[in-house]
Amino acid sequence: MDKHEQDIIRKFKSGDESGLRLLFDLYYSPLCLFAYKYFDSYEKAEDIVQEAFITLWEKNRMINFTGSIKAYLFSIVKNNSINKIKEDKKYRFEDVEKQAYSIIEDKFETENLEERKRKLYNEIGQLPTQSKKVFEAIVFEKMKYAEVAAELDISINTVKTHYSRALKQLRSSLDILIMILLP
Protein backbone atom coordinates (compact mmCIF):
# COMPACT_ATOMS: atom_id res chain seq x y z
CA MET A 1 0.00 0.00 0.00
CA ASP A 2 1.47 3.34 -1.01
CA LYS A 3 1.83 6.39 1.23
CA HIS A 4 -1.17 8.14 -0.38
CA GLU A 5 -3.46 5.19 0.43
CA GLN A 6 -2.09 5.04 3.98
CA ASP A 7 -2.86 8.74 4.44
CA ILE A 8 -6.41 8.25 3.15
CA ILE A 9 -6.98 5.28 5.47
CA ARG A 10 -5.54 7.19 8.45
CA LYS A 11 -7.88 10.13 7.83
CA PHE A 12 -10.81 7.83 7.26
CA LYS A 13 -10.17 5.89 10.49
CA SER A 14 -9.92 9.08 12.52
CA GLY A 15 -13.32 10.22 11.24
CA ASP A 16 -11.83 12.99 9.09
CA GLU A 17 -14.26 13.54 6.19
CA SER A 18 -11.39 14.63 3.96
CA GLY A 19 -10.39 10.95 3.80
CA LEU A 20 -13.75 10.13 2.28
CA ARG A 21 -13.44 13.10 -0.08
CA LEU A 22 -10.01 11.94 -1.24
CA LEU A 23 -11.36 8.44 -1.90
CA PHE A 24 -14.35 9.86 -3.73
CA ASP A 25 -12.28 12.19 -5.93
CA LEU A 26 -9.78 9.46 -6.74
CA TYR A 27 -12.14 6.58 -7.52
CA TYR A 28 -15.62 7.93 -8.31
CA SER A 29 -15.28 8.15 -12.11
CA PRO A 30 -13.51 4.80 -12.59
CA LEU A 31 -16.03 3.10 -10.29
CA CYS A 32 -18.98 4.63 -12.17
CA LEU A 33 -17.58 3.40 -15.47
CA PHE A 34 -17.02 -0.02 -13.94
CA ALA A 35 -20.57 -0.16 -12.57
CA TYR A 36 -21.97 1.07 -15.90
CA LYS A 37 -20.90 -2.22 -17.49
CA TYR A 38 -23.61 -3.89 -15.39
CA PHE A 39 -26.48 -1.54 -16.18
CA ASP A 40 -28.24 0.14 -19.09
CA SER A 41 -28.19 3.52 -17.36
CA TYR A 42 -25.30 5.65 -16.14
CA GLU A 43 -27.58 6.99 -13.41
CA LYS A 44 -27.97 3.46 -11.96
CA ALA A 45 -24.21 3.07 -12.02
CA GLU A 46 -23.77 6.38 -10.19
CA ASP A 47 -26.35 5.29 -7.60
CA ILE A 48 -24.46 2.06 -6.93
CA VAL A 49 -21.15 3.90 -6.50
CA GLN A 50 -22.66 6.57 -4.27
CA GLU A 51 -24.26 3.87 -2.11
CA ALA A 52 -20.86 2.18 -1.80
CA PHE A 53 -19.25 5.38 -0.50
CA ILE A 54 -22.15 6.07 1.87
CA THR A 55 -22.03 2.54 3.27
CA LEU A 56 -18.25 2.71 3.59
CA TRP A 57 -18.50 5.91 5.62
CA GLU A 58 -21.59 5.18 7.71
CA LYS A 59 -20.59 1.66 8.70
CA ASN A 60 -16.94 2.55 9.34
CA ARG A 61 -15.80 -0.28 7.12
CA MET A 62 -12.25 1.08 6.96
CA ILE A 63 -11.63 0.88 10.72
CA ASN A 64 -9.83 -2.49 10.56
CA PHE A 65 -8.85 -2.23 6.89
CA THR A 66 -5.38 -3.29 5.75
CA GLY A 67 -5.63 -4.21 2.03
CA SER A 68 -5.78 -2.34 -1.27
CA ILE A 69 -8.35 0.46 -1.32
CA LYS A 70 -8.77 0.15 -5.08
CA ALA A 71 -9.51 -3.59 -4.98
CA TYR A 72 -11.81 -3.15 -1.98
CA LEU A 73 -13.88 -0.40 -3.62
CA PHE A 74 -14.17 -2.30 -6.89
CA SER A 75 -15.30 -5.43 -5.06
CA ILE A 76 -17.93 -3.43 -3.12
CA VAL A 77 -19.26 -1.95 -6.36
CA LYS A 78 -19.18 -5.34 -8.09
CA ASN A 79 -21.08 -7.00 -5.24
CA ASN A 80 -23.61 -4.17 -4.97
CA SER A 81 -24.13 -4.26 -8.74
CA ILE A 82 -24.68 -8.01 -8.78
CA ASN A 83 -27.10 -7.73 -5.86
CA LYS A 84 -29.02 -5.00 -7.68
CA ILE A 85 -29.15 -7.11 -10.82
CA LYS A 86 -30.43 -10.07 -8.85
CA GLU A 87 -33.14 -7.81 -7.46
CA ASP A 88 -34.04 -6.60 -10.94
CA LYS A 89 -33.64 -10.09 -12.49
CA LYS A 90 -32.59 -8.64 -15.85
CA TYR A 91 -29.17 -10.05 -16.68
CA ARG A 92 -27.32 -13.34 -16.67
CA PHE A 93 -25.01 -13.33 -13.66
CA GLU A 94 -22.29 -15.64 -14.98
CA ASP A 95 -21.42 -13.28 -17.85
CA VAL A 96 -21.37 -10.27 -15.55
CA GLU A 97 -19.07 -11.93 -13.05
CA LYS A 98 -16.65 -13.09 -15.76
CA GLN A 99 -16.44 -9.54 -17.08
CA ALA A 100 -15.95 -8.11 -13.59
CA TYR A 101 -13.12 -10.48 -12.74
CA SER A 102 -11.28 -9.75 -15.97
CA ILE A 103 -11.29 -6.02 -15.15
CA ILE A 104 -10.37 -6.36 -11.48
CA GLU A 105 -7.53 -8.77 -12.10
CA ASP A 106 -5.94 -6.43 -14.69
CA LYS A 107 -5.22 -9.30 -17.10
CA PHE A 108 -4.45 -7.12 -20.10
CA GLU A 109 -1.33 -7.86 -22.03
CA THR A 110 0.66 -4.74 -22.88
CA GLU A 111 0.29 -5.10 -26.65
CA ASN A 112 -3.40 -5.90 -26.38
CA LEU A 113 -3.86 -2.95 -24.03
CA GLU A 114 -2.17 -0.55 -26.45
CA GLU A 115 -4.30 -1.80 -29.34
CA ARG A 116 -7.47 -1.44 -27.26
CA LYS A 117 -6.41 2.07 -26.19
CA ARG A 118 -6.00 3.04 -29.86
CA LYS A 119 -9.45 1.60 -30.56
CA LEU A 120 -10.92 3.57 -27.65
CA TYR A 121 -9.40 6.87 -28.77
CA ASN A 122 -10.62 6.19 -32.31
CA GLU A 123 -14.15 5.56 -30.97
CA ILE A 124 -13.98 8.76 -28.91
CA GLY A 125 -12.99 10.61 -32.07
CA GLN A 126 -16.13 9.30 -33.79
CA LEU A 127 -18.50 10.62 -31.14
CA PRO A 128 -20.81 13.48 -32.11
CA THR A 129 -19.06 16.79 -31.46
CA GLN A 130 -21.03 17.87 -28.37
CA SER A 131 -20.97 14.39 -26.81
CA LYS A 132 -17.22 14.23 -27.40
CA LYS A 133 -16.66 17.61 -25.71
CA VAL A 134 -18.78 16.60 -22.71
CA PHE A 135 -17.15 13.17 -22.43
CA GLU A 136 -13.59 14.50 -22.62
CA ALA A 137 -14.32 17.27 -20.11
CA ILE A 138 -15.80 14.86 -17.55
CA VAL A 139 -13.43 11.93 -18.04
CA PHE A 140 -10.10 13.45 -18.99
CA GLU A 141 -10.35 16.90 -17.42
CA LYS A 142 -12.28 15.61 -14.37
CA MET A 143 -14.80 18.46 -14.58
CA LYS A 144 -18.12 18.33 -12.74
CA TYR A 145 -21.41 18.33 -14.66
CA ALA A 146 -22.11 21.91 -13.59
CA GLU A 147 -18.68 23.08 -14.78
CA VAL A 148 -19.16 21.44 -18.18
CA ALA A 149 -22.65 22.92 -18.46
CA ALA A 150 -21.32 26.41 -17.72
CA GLU A 151 -18.39 26.07 -20.11
CA LEU A 152 -20.51 24.76 -23.00
CA ASP A 153 -23.48 27.00 -22.13
CA ILE A 154 -25.91 24.07 -21.87
CA SER A 155 -28.03 22.66 -19.05
CA ILE A 156 -26.76 20.06 -16.59
CA ASN A 157 -29.40 17.62 -17.88
CA THR A 158 -28.08 18.11 -21.42
CA VAL A 159 -24.57 17.36 -20.13
CA LYS A 160 -25.84 14.17 -18.51
CA THR A 161 -27.63 13.16 -21.70
CA HIS A 162 -24.52 13.69 -23.86
CA TYR A 163 -22.36 11.84 -21.33
CA SER A 164 -24.76 8.91 -21.16
CA ARG A 165 -24.95 8.69 -24.96
CA ALA A 166 -21.16 8.76 -25.23
CA LEU A 167 -20.82 5.97 -22.67
CA LYS A 168 -23.39 3.86 -24.50
CA GLN A 169 -21.47 4.29 -27.73
CA LEU A 170 -18.17 3.44 -25.99
CA ARG A 171 -19.59 0.55 -23.94
CA SER A 172 -17.33 -2.09 -25.51
CA SER A 173 -14.23 -0.10 -24.51
CA LEU A 174 -15.17 0.93 -20.97
CA ASP A 175 -12.81 -1.57 -19.36
CA ILE A 176 -9.84 0.10 -21.09
CA LEU A 177 -11.13 3.52 -20.09
CA ILE A 178 -11.22 2.37 -16.45
CA MET A 179 -7.62 1.16 -16.75
CA ILE A 180 -6.56 4.55 -18.15
CA LEU A 181 -8.32 6.51 -15.41
CA LEU A 182 -7.03 4.55 -12.43
CA PRO A 183 -4.00 5.99 -10.66
C-alpha atoms as a PDB file:
ATOM      1  CA  MET A   1       0.000   0.000   0.000  1.00  0.00           C
ATOM      2  CA  ASP A   2       1.473   3.339  -1.012  1.00  0.00           C
ATOM      3  CA  LYS A   3       1.832   6.394   1.230  1.00  0.00           C
ATOM      4  CA  HIS A   4      -1.166   8.138  -0.378  1.00  0.00           C
ATOM      5  CA  GLU A   5      -3.455   5.194   0.427  1.00  0.00           C
ATOM      6  CA  GLN A   6      -2.088   5.043   3.975  1.00  0.00           C
ATOM      7  CA  ASP A   7      -2.855   8.739   4.439  1.00  0.00           C
ATOM      8  CA  ILE A   8      -6.411   8.254   3.154  1.00  0.00           C
ATOM      9  CA  ILE A   9      -6.985   5.282   5.472  1.00  0.00           C
ATOM     10  CA  ARG A  10      -5.541   7.187   8.452  1.00  0.00           C
ATOM     11  CA  LYS A  11      -7.875  10.131   7.829  1.00  0.00           C
ATOM     12  CA  PHE A  12     -10.806   7.828   7.260  1.00  0.00           C
ATOM     13  CA  LYS A  13     -10.172   5.888  10.488  1.00  0.00           C
ATOM     14  CA  SER A  14      -9.921   9.078  12.515  1.00  0.00           C
ATOM     15  CA  GLY A  15     -13.317  10.224  11.238  1.00  0.00           C
ATOM     16  CA  ASP A  16     -11.827  12.990   9.085  1.00  0.00           C
ATOM     17  CA  GLU A  17     -14.257  13.538   6.191  1.00  0.00           C
ATOM     18  CA  SER A  18     -11.388  14.633   3.956  1.00  0.00           C
ATOM     19  CA  GLY A  19     -10.387  10.947   3.804  1.00  0.00           C
ATOM     20  CA  LEU A  20     -13.755  10.131   2.282  1.00  0.00           C
ATOM     21  CA  ARG A  21     -13.441  13.100  -0.081  1.00  0.00           C
ATOM     22  CA  LEU A  22     -10.007  11.942  -1.242  1.00  0.00           C
ATOM     23  CA  LEU A  23     -11.357   8.440  -1.902  1.00  0.00           C
ATOM     24  CA  PHE A  24     -14.349   9.857  -3.726  1.00  0.00           C
ATOM     25  CA  ASP A  25     -12.278  12.186  -5.925  1.00  0.00           C
ATOM     26  CA  LEU A  26      -9.778   9.455  -6.737  1.00  0.00           C
ATOM     27  CA  TYR A  27     -12.136   6.585  -7.522  1.00  0.00           C
ATOM     28  CA  TYR A  28     -15.616   7.932  -8.310  1.00  0.00           C
ATOM     29  CA  SER A  29     -15.280   8.147 -12.106  1.00  0.00           C
ATOM     30  CA  PRO A  30     -13.510   4.801 -12.593  1.00  0.00           C
ATOM     31  CA  LEU A  31     -16.025   3.103 -10.295  1.00  0.00           C
ATOM     32  CA  CYS A  32     -18.978   4.630 -12.167  1.00  0.00           C
ATOM     33  CA  LEU A  33     -17.579   3.404 -15.473  1.00  0.00           C
ATOM     34  CA  PHE A  34     -17.018  -0.017 -13.940  1.00  0.00           C
ATOM     35  CA  ALA A  35     -20.574  -0.160 -12.568  1.00  0.00           C
ATOM     36  CA  TYR A  36     -21.966   1.069 -15.899  1.00  0.00           C
ATOM     37  CA  LYS A  37     -20.901  -2.219 -17.493  1.00  0.00           C
ATOM     38  CA  TYR A  38     -23.608  -3.886 -15.386  1.00  0.00           C
ATOM     39  CA  PHE A  39     -26.477  -1.536 -16.184  1.00  0.00           C
ATOM     40  CA  ASP A  40     -28.243   0.139 -19.087  1.00  0.00           C
ATOM     41  CA  SER A  41     -28.187   3.515 -17.357  1.00  0.00           C
ATOM     42  CA  TYR A  42     -25.305   5.648 -16.143  1.00  0.00           C
ATOM     43  CA  GLU A  43     -27.584   6.994 -13.409  1.00  0.00           C
ATOM     44  CA  LYS A  44     -27.974   3.461 -11.957  1.00  0.00           C
ATOM     45  CA  ALA A  45     -24.205   3.066 -12.023  1.00  0.00           C
ATOM     46  CA  GLU A  46     -23.774   6.376 -10.190  1.00  0.00           C
ATOM     47  CA  ASP A  47     -26.345   5.294  -7.599  1.00  0.00           C
ATOM     48  CA  ILE A  48     -24.463   2.056  -6.925  1.00  0.00           C
ATOM     49  CA  VAL A  49     -21.145   3.896  -6.504  1.00  0.00           C
ATOM     50  CA  GLN A  50     -22.661   6.566  -4.269  1.00  0.00           C
ATOM     51  CA  GLU A  51     -24.262   3.871  -2.111  1.00  0.00           C
ATOM     52  CA  ALA A  52     -20.861   2.184  -1.801  1.00  0.00           C
ATOM     53  CA  PHE A  53     -19.252   5.378  -0.497  1.00  0.00           C
ATOM     54  CA  ILE A  54     -22.146   6.066   1.872  1.00  0.00           C
ATOM     55  CA  THR A  55     -22.025   2.538   3.273  1.00  0.00           C
ATOM     56  CA  LEU A  56     -18.253   2.709   3.586  1.00  0.00           C
ATOM     57  CA  TRP A  57     -18.499   5.914   5.623  1.00  0.00           C
ATOM     58  CA  GLU A  58     -21.588   5.175   7.715  1.00  0.00           C
ATOM     59  CA  LYS A  59     -20.587   1.657   8.697  1.00  0.00           C
ATOM     60  CA  ASN A  60     -16.937   2.549   9.344  1.00  0.00           C
ATOM     61  CA  ARG A  61     -15.798  -0.282   7.121  1.00  0.00           C
ATOM     62  CA  MET A  62     -12.252   1.076   6.960  1.00  0.00           C
ATOM     63  CA  ILE A  63     -11.626   0.875  10.721  1.00  0.00           C
ATOM     64  CA  ASN A  64      -9.829  -2.490  10.560  1.00  0.00           C
ATOM     65  CA  PHE A  65      -8.855  -2.233   6.893  1.00  0.00           C
ATOM     66  CA  THR A  66      -5.381  -3.286   5.746  1.00  0.00           C
ATOM     67  CA  GLY A  67      -5.632  -4.210   2.030  1.00  0.00           C
ATOM     68  CA  SER A  68      -5.782  -2.335  -1.267  1.00  0.00           C
ATOM     69  CA  ILE A  69      -8.352   0.460  -1.315  1.00  0.00           C
ATOM     70  CA  LYS A  70      -8.770   0.147  -5.082  1.00  0.00           C
ATOM     71  CA  ALA A  71      -9.515  -3.589  -4.977  1.00  0.00           C
ATOM     72  CA  TYR A  72     -11.811  -3.146  -1.982  1.00  0.00           C
ATOM     73  CA  LEU A  73     -13.883  -0.404  -3.622  1.00  0.00           C
ATOM     74  CA  PHE A  74     -14.168  -2.301  -6.891  1.00  0.00           C
ATOM     75  CA  SER A  75     -15.297  -5.431  -5.059  1.00  0.00           C
ATOM     76  CA  ILE A  76     -17.933  -3.433  -3.124  1.00  0.00           C
ATOM     77  CA  VAL A  77     -19.264  -1.946  -6.357  1.00  0.00           C
ATOM     78  CA  LYS A  78     -19.181  -5.342  -8.087  1.00  0.00           C
ATOM     79  CA  ASN A  79     -21.080  -7.005  -5.245  1.00  0.00           C
ATOM     80  CA  ASN A  80     -23.614  -4.167  -4.974  1.00  0.00           C
ATOM     81  CA  SER A  81     -24.129  -4.263  -8.742  1.00  0.00           C
ATOM     82  CA  ILE A  82     -24.681  -8.012  -8.778  1.00  0.00           C
ATOM     83  CA  ASN A  83     -27.096  -7.728  -5.864  1.00  0.00           C
ATOM     84  CA  LYS A  84     -29.016  -4.995  -7.679  1.00  0.00           C
ATOM     85  CA  ILE A  85     -29.145  -7.114 -10.824  1.00  0.00           C
ATOM     86  CA  LYS A  86     -30.433 -10.068  -8.846  1.00  0.00           C
ATOM     87  CA  GLU A  87     -33.138  -7.810  -7.459  1.00  0.00           C
ATOM     88  CA  ASP A  88     -34.040  -6.602 -10.939  1.00  0.00           C
ATOM     89  CA  LYS A  89     -33.642 -10.085 -12.489  1.00  0.00           C
ATOM     90  CA  LYS A  90     -32.588  -8.643 -15.846  1.00  0.00           C
ATOM     91  CA  TYR A  91     -29.173 -10.046 -16.675  1.00  0.00           C
ATOM     92  CA  ARG A  92     -27.321 -13.342 -16.674  1.00  0.00           C
ATOM     93  CA  PHE A  93     -25.011 -13.332 -13.659  1.00  0.00           C
ATOM     94  CA  GLU A  94     -22.292 -15.638 -14.983  1.00  0.00           C
ATOM     95  CA  ASP A  95     -21.423 -13.285 -17.852  1.00  0.00           C
ATOM     96  CA  VAL A  96     -21.375 -10.267 -15.554  1.00  0.00           C
ATOM     97  CA  GLU A  97     -19.068 -11.928 -13.052  1.00  0.00           C
ATOM     98  CA  LYS A  98     -16.655 -13.091 -15.756  1.00  0.00           C
ATOM     99  CA  GLN A  99     -16.442  -9.543 -17.078  1.00  0.00           C
ATOM    100  CA  ALA A 100     -15.953  -8.108 -13.592  1.00  0.00           C
ATOM    101  CA  TYR A 101     -13.125 -10.481 -12.744  1.00  0.00           C
ATOM    102  CA  SER A 102     -11.280  -9.745 -15.968  1.00  0.00           C
ATOM    103  CA  ILE A 103     -11.290  -6.020 -15.147  1.00  0.00           C
ATOM    104  CA  ILE A 104     -10.371  -6.357 -11.483  1.00  0.00           C
ATOM    105  CA  GLU A 105      -7.528  -8.767 -12.102  1.00  0.00           C
ATOM    106  CA  ASP A 106      -5.940  -6.432 -14.694  1.00  0.00           C
ATOM    107  CA  LYS A 107      -5.217  -9.302 -17.097  1.00  0.00           C
ATOM    108  CA  PHE A 108      -4.448  -7.116 -20.097  1.00  0.00           C
ATOM    109  CA  GLU A 109      -1.326  -7.865 -22.033  1.00  0.00           C
ATOM    110  CA  THR A 110       0.665  -4.744 -22.877  1.00  0.00           C
ATOM    111  CA  GLU A 111       0.292  -5.103 -26.649  1.00  0.00           C
ATOM    112  CA  ASN A 112      -3.402  -5.897 -26.384  1.00  0.00           C
ATOM    113  CA  LEU A 113      -3.864  -2.953 -24.026  1.00  0.00           C
ATOM    114  CA  GLU A 114      -2.171  -0.554 -26.445  1.00  0.00           C
ATOM    115  CA  GLU A 115      -4.303  -1.801 -29.335  1.00  0.00           C
ATOM    116  CA  ARG A 116      -7.470  -1.439 -27.263  1.00  0.00           C
ATOM    117  CA  LYS A 117      -6.410   2.071 -26.192  1.00  0.00           C
ATOM    118  CA  ARG A 118      -6.001   3.037 -29.863  1.00  0.00           C
ATOM    119  CA  LYS A 119      -9.446   1.605 -30.564  1.00  0.00           C
ATOM    120  CA  LEU A 120     -10.917   3.571 -27.646  1.00  0.00           C
ATOM    121  CA  TYR A 121      -9.397   6.873 -28.774  1.00  0.00           C
ATOM    122  CA  ASN A 122     -10.624   6.186 -32.309  1.00  0.00           C
ATOM    123  CA  GLU A 123     -14.149   5.557 -30.966  1.00  0.00           C
ATOM    124  CA  ILE A 124     -13.977   8.762 -28.912  1.00  0.00           C
ATOM    125  CA  GLY A 125     -12.991  10.615 -32.072  1.00  0.00           C
ATOM    126  CA  GLN A 126     -16.126   9.298 -33.792  1.00  0.00           C
ATOM    127  CA  LEU A 127     -18.504  10.616 -31.142  1.00  0.00           C
ATOM    128  CA  PRO A 128     -20.809  13.483 -32.111  1.00  0.00           C
ATOM    129  CA  THR A 129     -19.056  16.794 -31.455  1.00  0.00           C
ATOM    130  CA  GLN A 130     -21.030  17.870 -28.373  1.00  0.00           C
ATOM    131  CA  SER A 131     -20.974  14.392 -26.812  1.00  0.00           C
ATOM    132  CA  LYS A 132     -17.224  14.226 -27.400  1.00  0.00           C
ATOM    133  CA  LYS A 133     -16.665  17.609 -25.707  1.00  0.00           C
ATOM    134  CA  VAL A 134     -18.780  16.596 -22.713  1.00  0.00           C
ATOM    135  CA  PHE A 135     -17.151  13.166 -22.428  1.00  0.00           C
ATOM    136  CA  GLU A 136     -13.588  14.503 -22.625  1.00  0.00           C
ATOM    137  CA  ALA A 137     -14.318  17.269 -20.110  1.00  0.00           C
ATOM    138  CA  ILE A 138     -15.797  14.863 -17.551  1.00  0.00           C
ATOM    139  CA  VAL A 139     -13.435  11.931 -18.037  1.00  0.00           C
ATOM    140  CA  PHE A 140     -10.098  13.452 -18.993  1.00  0.00           C
ATOM    141  CA  GLU A 141     -10.351  16.903 -17.425  1.00  0.00           C
ATOM    142  CA  LYS A 142     -12.281  15.615 -14.372  1.00  0.00           C
ATOM    143  CA  MET A 143     -14.797  18.455 -14.578  1.00  0.00           C
ATOM    144  CA  LYS A 144     -18.118  18.327 -12.741  1.00  0.00           C
ATOM    145  CA  TYR A 145     -21.406  18.328 -14.663  1.00  0.00           C
ATOM    146  CA  ALA A 146     -22.106  21.914 -13.592  1.00  0.00           C
ATOM    147  CA  GLU A 147     -18.681  23.080 -14.779  1.00  0.00           C
ATOM    148  CA  VAL A 148     -19.157  21.445 -18.176  1.00  0.00           C
ATOM    149  CA  ALA A 149     -22.655  22.921 -18.461  1.00  0.00           C
ATOM    150  CA  ALA A 150     -21.320  26.411 -17.718  1.00  0.00           C
ATOM    151  CA  GLU A 151     -18.388  26.065 -20.108  1.00  0.00           C
ATOM    152  CA  LEU A 152     -20.507  24.762 -22.997  1.00  0.00           C
ATOM    153  CA  ASP A 153     -23.479  26.995 -22.129  1.00  0.00           C
ATOM    154  CA  ILE A 154     -25.907  24.067 -21.874  1.00  0.00           C
ATOM    155  CA  SER A 155     -28.033  22.659 -19.046  1.00  0.00           C
ATOM    156  CA  ILE A 156     -26.764  20.065 -16.593  1.00  0.00           C
ATOM    157  CA  ASN A 157     -29.396  17.623 -17.879  1.00  0.00           C
ATOM    158  CA  THR A 158     -28.083  18.107 -21.418  1.00  0.00           C
ATOM    159  CA  VAL A 159     -24.570  17.365 -20.128  1.00  0.00           C
ATOM    160  CA  LYS A 160     -25.837  14.167 -18.506  1.00  0.00           C
ATOM    161  CA  THR A 161     -27.626  13.157 -21.700  1.00  0.00           C
ATOM    162  CA  HIS A 162     -24.521  13.690 -23.858  1.00  0.00           C
ATOM    163  CA  TYR A 163     -22.358  11.840 -21.332  1.00  0.00           C
ATOM    164  CA  SER A 164     -24.756   8.909 -21.156  1.00  0.00           C
ATOM    165  CA  ARG A 165     -24.945   8.688 -24.965  1.00  0.00           C
ATOM    166  CA  ALA A 166     -21.165   8.760 -25.231  1.00  0.00           C
ATOM    167  CA  LEU A 167     -20.820   5.974 -22.668  1.00  0.00           C
ATOM    168  CA  LYS A 168     -23.386   3.855 -24.498  1.00  0.00           C
ATOM    169  CA  GLN A 169     -21.471   4.293 -27.729  1.00  0.00           C
ATOM    170  CA  LEU A 170     -18.171   3.439 -25.985  1.00  0.00           C
ATOM    171  CA  ARG A 171     -19.592   0.549 -23.937  1.00  0.00           C
ATOM    172  CA  SER A 172     -17.335  -2.092 -25.515  1.00  0.00           C
ATOM    173  CA  SER A 173     -14.229  -0.103 -24.512  1.00  0.00           C
ATOM    174  CA  LEU A 174     -15.174   0.934 -20.965  1.00  0.00           C
ATOM    175  CA  ASP A 175     -12.810  -1.568 -19.361  1.00  0.00           C
ATOM    176  CA  ILE A 176      -9.843   0.096 -21.090  1.00  0.00           C
ATOM    177  CA  LEU A 177     -11.132   3.520 -20.090  1.00  0.00           C
ATOM    178  CA  ILE A 178     -11.223   2.368 -16.455  1.00  0.00           C
ATOM    179  CA  MET A 179      -7.623   1.160 -16.748  1.00  0.00           C
ATOM    180  CA  ILE A 180      -6.559   4.550 -18.154  1.00  0.00           C
ATOM    181  CA  LEU A 181      -8.321   6.511 -15.409  1.00  0.00           C
ATOM    182  CA  LEU A 182      -7.025   4.550 -12.432  1.00  0.00           C
ATOM    183  CA  PRO A 183      -4.001   5.992 -10.662  1.00  0.00           C
END
